[in-house]
Amino acid sequence: MKHADFEKAFADFIDRREYDKAQNALFDMVRISFKAGWQAAGGNSPEPQPVIRIVHKKLEK
């Protein structure tokens, strides 16, 4: 297999929605595992943070 063919096939693979879902699930598992270890070592849980914060700017008249 040519190197360029491999890179094209890999790029097509990671550009799929299914890959994004799998990557997000893997990240969540790693974060949950790290948090469990952190707490087991006596660390405090982080405070929940909003994912998105919408700021409304008042328009001048």
PDB file of N, CA and C in Angstrom:
ATOM      1  N   MET A   1       0.850  -1.183   0.000  1.00  0.00           N
ATOM      2  CA  MET A   1       0.000   0.000   0.000  1.00  0.00           C
ATOM      3  C   MET A   1       0.890   1.240   0.000  1.00  0.00           C
ATOM      4  N   LYS A   2       0.551   2.179  -0.827  1.00  0.00           N
ATOM      5  CA  LYS A   2       1.311   3.418  -0.894  1.00  0.00           C
ATOM      6  C   LYS A   2       1.046   4.248   0.362  1.00  0.00           C
ATOM      7  N   HIS A   3       2.054   5.008   0.742  1.00  0.00           N
ATOM      8  CA  HIS A   3       1.945   5.865   1.925  1.00  0.00           C
ATOM      9  C   HIS A   3       0.806   6.877   1.754  1.00  0.00           C
ATOM     10  N   ALA A   4       0.688   7.460   0.585  1.00  0.00           N
ATOM     11  CA  ALA A   4      -0.363   8.455   0.337  1.00  0.00           C
ATOM     12  C   ALA A   4      -1.756   7.821   0.441  1.00  0.00           C
ATOM     13  N   ASP A   5      -1.898   6.576  -0.028  1.00  0.00           N
ATOM     14  CA  ASP A   5      -3.184   5.889   0.080  1.00  0.00           C
ATOM     15  C   ASP A   5      -3.552   5.667   1.536  1.00  0.00           C
ATOM     16  N   PHE A   6      -2.557   5.276   2.331  1.00  0.00           N
ATOM     17  CA  PHE A   6      -2.791   5.060   3.759  1.00  0.00           C
ATOM     18  C   PHE A   6      -3.233   6.356   4.423  1.00  0.00           C
ATOM     19  N   GLU A   7      -2.507   7.441   4.167  1.00  0.00           N
ATOM     20  CA  GLU A   7      -2.830   8.726   4.792  1.00  0.00           C
ATOM     21  C   GLU A   7      -4.221   9.208   4.391  1.00  0.00           C
ATOM     22  N   LYS A   8      -4.606   9.020   3.142  1.00  0.00           N
ATOM     23  CA  LYS A   8      -5.941   9.414   2.683  1.00  0.00           C
ATOM     24  C   LYS A   8      -7.009   8.584   3.384  1.00  0.00           C
ATOM     25  N   ALA A   9      -6.793   7.275   3.468  1.00  0.00           N
ATOM     26  CA  ALA A   9      -7.764   6.401   4.124  1.00  0.00           C
ATOM     27  C   ALA A   9      -7.876   6.740   5.612  1.00  0.00           C
ATOM     28  N   PHE A  10      -6.741   7.031   6.252  1.00  0.00           N
ATOM     29  CA  PHE A  10      -6.760   7.383   7.670  1.00  0.00           C
ATOM     30  C   PHE A  10      -7.487   8.713   7.880  1.00  0.00           C
ATOM     31  N   ALA A  11      -7.219   9.687   7.036  1.00  0.00           N
ATOM     32  CA  ALA A  11      -7.888  10.988   7.141  1.00  0.00           C
ATOM     33  C   ALA A  11      -9.398  10.827   6.966  1.00  0.00           C
ATOM     34  N   ASP A  12      -9.806  10.000   6.009  1.00  0.00           N
ATOM     35  CA  ASP A  12     -11.232   9.750   5.805  1.00  0.00           C
ATOM     36  C   ASP A  12     -11.849   9.090   7.036  1.00  0.00           C
ATOM     37  N   PHE A  13     -11.100   8.194   7.652  1.00  0.00           N
ATOM     38  CA  PHE A  13     -11.571   7.490   8.845  1.00  0.00           C
ATOM     39  C   PHE A  13     -11.787   8.453  10.007  1.00  0.00           C
ATOM     40  N   ILE A  14     -10.815   9.336  10.264  1.00  0.00           N
ATOM     41  CA  ILE A  14     -10.943  10.219  11.432  1.00  0.00           C
ATOM     42  C   ILE A  14     -11.876  11.398  11.192  1.00  0.00           C
ATOM     43  N   ASP A  15     -12.280  11.612   9.955  1.00  0.00           N
ATOM     44  CA  ASP A  15     -13.224  12.696   9.665  1.00  0.00           C
ATOM     45  C   ASP A  15     -14.679  12.256   9.792  1.00  0.00           C
ATOM     46  N   ARG A  16     -14.905  11.046  10.249  1.00  0.00           N
ATOM     47  CA  ARG A  16     -16.269  10.523  10.378  1.00  0.00           C
ATOM     48  C   ARG A  16     -16.861  10.844  11.749  1.00  0.00           C
ATOM     49  N   ARG A  17     -18.169  10.968  11.815  1.00  0.00           N
ATOM     50  CA  ARG A  17     -18.882  11.241  13.066  1.00  0.00           C
ATOM     51  C   ARG A  17     -18.651  10.118  14.083  1.00  0.00           C
ATOM     52  N   GLU A  18     -18.580   8.879  13.593  1.00  0.00           N
ATOM     53  CA  GLU A  18     -18.371   7.739  14.495  1.00  0.00           C
ATOM     54  C   GLU A  18     -17.038   7.847  15.225  1.00  0.00           C
ATOM     55  N   TYR A  19     -16.019   8.352  14.528  1.00  0.00           N
ATOM     56  CA  TYR A  19     -14.719   8.536  15.175  1.00  0.00           C
ATOM     57  C   TYR A  19     -14.825   9.593  16.272  1.00  0.00           C
ATOM     58  N   ASP A  20     -15.519  10.685  15.995  1.00  0.00           N
ATOM     59  CA  ASP A  20     -15.686  11.737  17.001  1.00  0.00           C
ATOM     60  C   ASP A  20     -16.384  11.208  18.245  1.00  0.00           C
ATOM     61  N   LYS A  21     -17.422  10.394  18.047  1.00  0.00           N
ATOM     62  CA  LYS A  21     -18.140   9.810  19.182  1.00  0.00           C
ATOM     63  C   LYS A  21     -17.225   8.896  19.997  1.00  0.00           C
ATOM     64  N   ALA A  22     -16.442   8.062  19.306  1.00  0.00           N
ATOM     65  CA  ALA A  22     -15.528   7.152  19.996  1.00  0.00           C
ATOM     66  C   ALA A  22     -14.449   7.935  20.736  1.00  0.00           C
ATOM     67  N   GLN A  23     -13.924   8.984  20.120  1.00  0.00           N
ATOM     68  CA  GLN A  23     -12.889   9.801  20.750  1.00  0.00           C
ATOM     69  C   GLN A  23     -13.440  10.484  22.004  1.00  0.00           C
ATOM     70  N   ASN A  24     -14.662  11.005  21.927  1.00  0.00           N
ATOM     71  CA  ASN A  24     -15.279  11.648  23.089  1.00  0.00           C
ATOM     72  C   ASN A  24     -15.510  10.645  24.218  1.00  0.00           C
ATOM     73  N   ALA A  25     -15.949   9.437  23.864  1.00  0.00           N
ATOM     74  CA  ALA A  25     -16.169   8.407  24.880  1.00  0.00           C
ATOM     75  C   ALA A  25     -14.854   8.028  25.552  1.00  0.00           C
ATOM     76  N   LEU A  26     -13.802   7.898  24.772  1.00  0.00           N
ATOM     77  CA  LEU A  26     -12.492   7.563  25.338  1.00  0.00           C
ATOM     78  C   LEU A  26     -12.004   8.669  26.270  1.00  0.00           C
ATOM     79  N   PHE A  27     -12.162   9.914  25.865  1.00  0.00           N
ATOM     80  CA  PHE A  27     -11.772  11.042  26.715  1.00  0.00           C
ATOM     81  C   PHE A  27     -12.543  11.014  28.030  1.00  0.00           C
ATOM     82  N   ASP A  28     -13.860  10.772  27.948  1.00  0.00           N
ATOM     83  CA  ASP A  28     -14.683  10.713  29.153  1.00  0.00           C
ATOM     84  C   ASP A  28     -14.207   9.611  30.097  1.00  0.00           C
ATOM     85  N   MET A  29     -13.874   8.438  29.549  1.00  0.00           N
ATOM     86  CA  MET A  29     -13.396   7.331  30.387  1.00  0.00           C
ATOM     87  C   MET A  29     -12.076   7.677  31.067  1.00  0.00           C
ATOM     88  N   VAL A  30     -11.178   8.311  30.328  1.00  0.00           N
ATOM     89  CA  VAL A  30      -9.889   8.695  30.907  1.00  0.00           C
ATOM     90  C   VAL A  30     -10.094   9.730  32.004  1.00  0.00           C
ATOM     91  N   ARG A  31     -10.972  10.707  31.768  1.00  0.00           N
ATOM     92  CA  ARG A  31     -11.215  11.746  32.774  1.00  0.00           C
ATOM     93  C   ARG A  31     -11.856  11.159  34.025  1.00  0.00           C
ATOM     94  N   ILE A  32     -12.834  10.274  33.850  1.00  0.00           N
ATOM     95  CA  ILE A  32     -13.497   9.629  34.990  1.00  0.00           C
ATOM     96  C   ILE A  32     -12.491   8.808  35.794  1.00  0.00           C
ATOM     97  N   SER A  33     -11.619   8.089  35.098  1.00  0.00           N
ATOM     98  CA  SER A  33     -10.595   7.282  35.778  1.00  0.00           C
ATOM     99  C   SER A  33      -9.612   8.165  36.532  1.00  0.00           C
ATOM    100  N   PHE A  34      -9.184   9.245  35.897  1.00  0.00           N
ATOM    101  CA  PHE A  34      -8.250  10.162  36.552  1.00  0.00           C
ATOM    102  C   PHE A  34      -8.890  10.784  37.789  1.00  0.00           C
ATOM    103  N   LYS A  35     -10.155  11.191  37.667  1.00  0.00           N
ATOM    104  CA  LYS A  35     -10.866  11.800  38.793  1.00  0.00           C
ATOM    105  C   LYS A  35     -10.991  10.813  39.950  1.00  0.00           C
ATOM    106  N   ALA A  36     -11.289   9.545  39.638  1.00  0.00           N
ATOM    107  CA  ALA A  36     -11.397   8.526  40.687  1.00  0.00           C
ATOM    108  C   ALA A  36     -10.055   8.344  41.399  1.00  0.00           C
ATOM    109  N   GLY A  37      -8.986   8.307  40.658  1.00  0.00           N
ATOM    110  CA  GLY A  37      -7.651   8.205  41.257  1.00  0.00           C
ATOM    111  C   GLY A  37      -7.315   9.427  42.092  1.00  0.00           C
ATOM    112  N   TRP A  38      -7.667  10.592  41.584  1.00  0.00           N
ATOM    113  CA  TRP A  38      -7.423  11.853  42.289  1.00  0.00           C
ATOM    114  C   TRP A  38      -8.142  11.850  43.643  1.00  0.00           C
ATOM    115  N   GLN A  39      -9.405  11.432  43.613  1.00  0.00           N
ATOM    116  CA  GLN A  39     -10.185  11.394  44.851  1.00  0.00           C
ATOM    117  C   GLN A  39      -9.658  10.321  45.795  1.00  0.00           C
ATOM    118  N   ALA A  40      -9.244   9.190  45.270  1.00  0.00           N
ATOM    119  CA  ALA A  40      -8.701   8.117  46.105  1.00  0.00           C
ATOM    120  C   ALA A  40      -7.412   8.552  46.791  1.00  0.00           C
ATOM    121  N   ALA A  41      -6.685   9.464  46.160  1.00  0.00           N
ATOM    122  CA  ALA A  41      -5.446   9.967  46.746  1.00  0.00           C
ATOM    123  C   ALA A  41      -5.701  11.124  47.708  1.00  0.00           C
ATOM    124  N   GLY A  42      -6.972  11.458  47.934  1.00  0.00           N
ATOM    125  CA  GLY A  42      -7.309  12.500  48.897  1.00  0.00           C
ATOM    126  C   GLY A  42      -7.562  13.860  48.292  1.00  0.00           C
ATOM    127  N   GLY A  43      -7.588  13.958  46.968  1.00  0.00           N
ATOM    128  CA  GLY A  43      -7.837  15.240  46.321  1.00  0.00           C
ATOM    129  C   GLY A  43      -9.314  15.579  46.324  1.00  0.00           C
ATOM    130  N   ASN A  44      -9.606  16.844  46.280  1.00  0.00           N
ATOM    131  CA  ASN A  44     -10.987  17.311  46.212  1.00  0.00           C
ATOM    132  C   ASN A  44     -11.483  17.270  44.775  1.00  0.00           C
ATOM    133  N   SER A  45     -12.772  16.986  44.616  1.00  0.00           N
ATOM    134  CA  SER A  45     -13.370  17.004  43.283  1.00  0.00           C
ATOM    135  C   SER A  45     -13.438  18.438  42.785  1.00  0.00           C
ATOM    136  N   PRO A  46     -13.224  18.635  41.487  1.00  0.00           N
ATOM    137  CA  PRO A  46     -13.356  19.996  40.946  1.00  0.00           C
ATOM    138  C   PRO A  46     -14.816  20.421  40.944  1.00  0.00           C
ATOM    139  N   GLU A  47     -15.048  21.698  41.105  1.00  0.00           N
ATOM    140  CA  GLU A  47     -16.402  22.237  41.036  1.00  0.00           C
ATOM    141  C   GLU A  47     -16.879  22.163  39.588  1.00  0.00           C
ATOM    142  N   PRO A  48     -18.142  21.797  39.389  1.00  0.00           N
ATOM    143  CA  PRO A  48     -18.669  21.763  38.016  1.00  0.00           C
ATOM    144  C   PRO A  48     -18.578  23.141  37.373  1.00  0.00           C
ATOM    145  N   GLN A  49     -18.173  23.177  36.128  1.00  0.00           N
ATOM    146  CA  GLN A  49     -18.043  24.423  35.383  1.00  0.00           C
ATOM    147  C   GLN A  49     -19.017  24.403  34.209  1.00  0.00           C
ATOM    148  N   PRO A  50     -19.602  25.549  33.890  1.00  0.00           N
ATOM    149  CA  PRO A  50     -20.473  25.579  32.713  1.00  0.00           C
ATOM    150  C   PRO A  50     -19.650  25.337  31.452  1.00  0.00           C
ATOM    151  N   VAL A  51     -20.232  24.618  30.521  1.00  0.00           N
ATOM    152  CA  VAL A  51     -19.531  24.330  29.274  1.00  0.00           C
ATOM    153  C   VAL A  51     -19.449  25.578  28.419  1.00  0.00           C
ATOM    154  N   ILE A  52     -20.551  26.272  28.317  1.00  0.00           N
ATOM    155  CA  ILE A  52     -20.600  27.494  27.509  1.00  0.00           C
ATOM    156  C   ILE A  52     -21.194  28.604  28.355  1.00  0.00           C
ATOM    157  N   ARG A  53     -20.602  29.752  28.261  1.00  0.00           N
ATOM    158  CA  ARG A  53     -21.122  30.905  28.987  1.00  0.00           C
ATOM    159  C   ARG A  53     -21.491  31.970  27.964  1.00  0.00           C
ATOM    160  N   ILE A  54     -22.763  32.323  27.921  1.00  0.00           N
ATOM    161  CA  ILE A  54     -23.236  33.303  26.959  1.00  0.00           C
ATOM    162  C   ILE A  54     -23.212  34.673  27.623  1.00  0.00           C
ATOM    163  N   VAL A  55     -22.568  35.605  26.955  1.00  0.00           N
ATOM    164  CA  VAL A  55     -22.456  36.972  27.462  1.00  0.00           C
ATOM    165  C   VAL A  55     -23.254  37.868  26.529  1.00  0.00           C
ATOM    166  N   HIS A  56     -24.145  38.630  27.119  1.00  0.00           N
ATOM    167  CA  HIS A  56     -24.987  39.523  26.336  1.00  0.00           C
ATOM    168  C   HIS A  56     -24.446  40.937  26.477  1.00  0.00           C
ATOM    169  N   LYS A  57     -24.162  41.542  25.379  1.00  0.00           N
ATOM    170  CA  LYS A  57     -23.670  42.919  25.392  1.00  0.00           C
ATOM    171  C   LYS A  57     -24.809  43.859  25.030  1.00  0.00           C
ATOM    172  N   LYS A  58     -25.021  44.846  25.883  1.00  0.00           N
ATOM    173  CA  LYS A  58     -26.071  45.818  25.609  1.00  0.00           C
ATOM    174  C   LYS A  58     -25.632  46.740  24.476  1.00  0.00           C
ATOM    175  N   LEU A  59     -26.532  46.933  23.536  1.00  0.00           N
ATOM    176  CA  LEU A  59     -26.240  47.809  22.419  1.00  0.00           C
ATOM    177  C   LEU A  59     -26.555  49.257  22.794  1.00  0.00           C
ATOM    178  N   GLU A  60     -25.682  50.149  22.377  1.00  0.00           N
ATOM    179  CA  GLU A  60     -25.920  51.572  22.623  1.00  0.00           C
ATOM    180  C   GLU A  60     -26.894  52.107  21.593  1.00  0.00           C
ATOM    181  N   LYS A  61     -27.770  53.012  22.050  1.00  0.00           N
ATOM    182  CA  LYS A  61     -28.748  53.616  21.123  1.00  0.00           C
ATOM    183  C   LYS A  61     -28.337  54.993  20.721  1.00  0.00           C
TER     184      LYS A  61
END
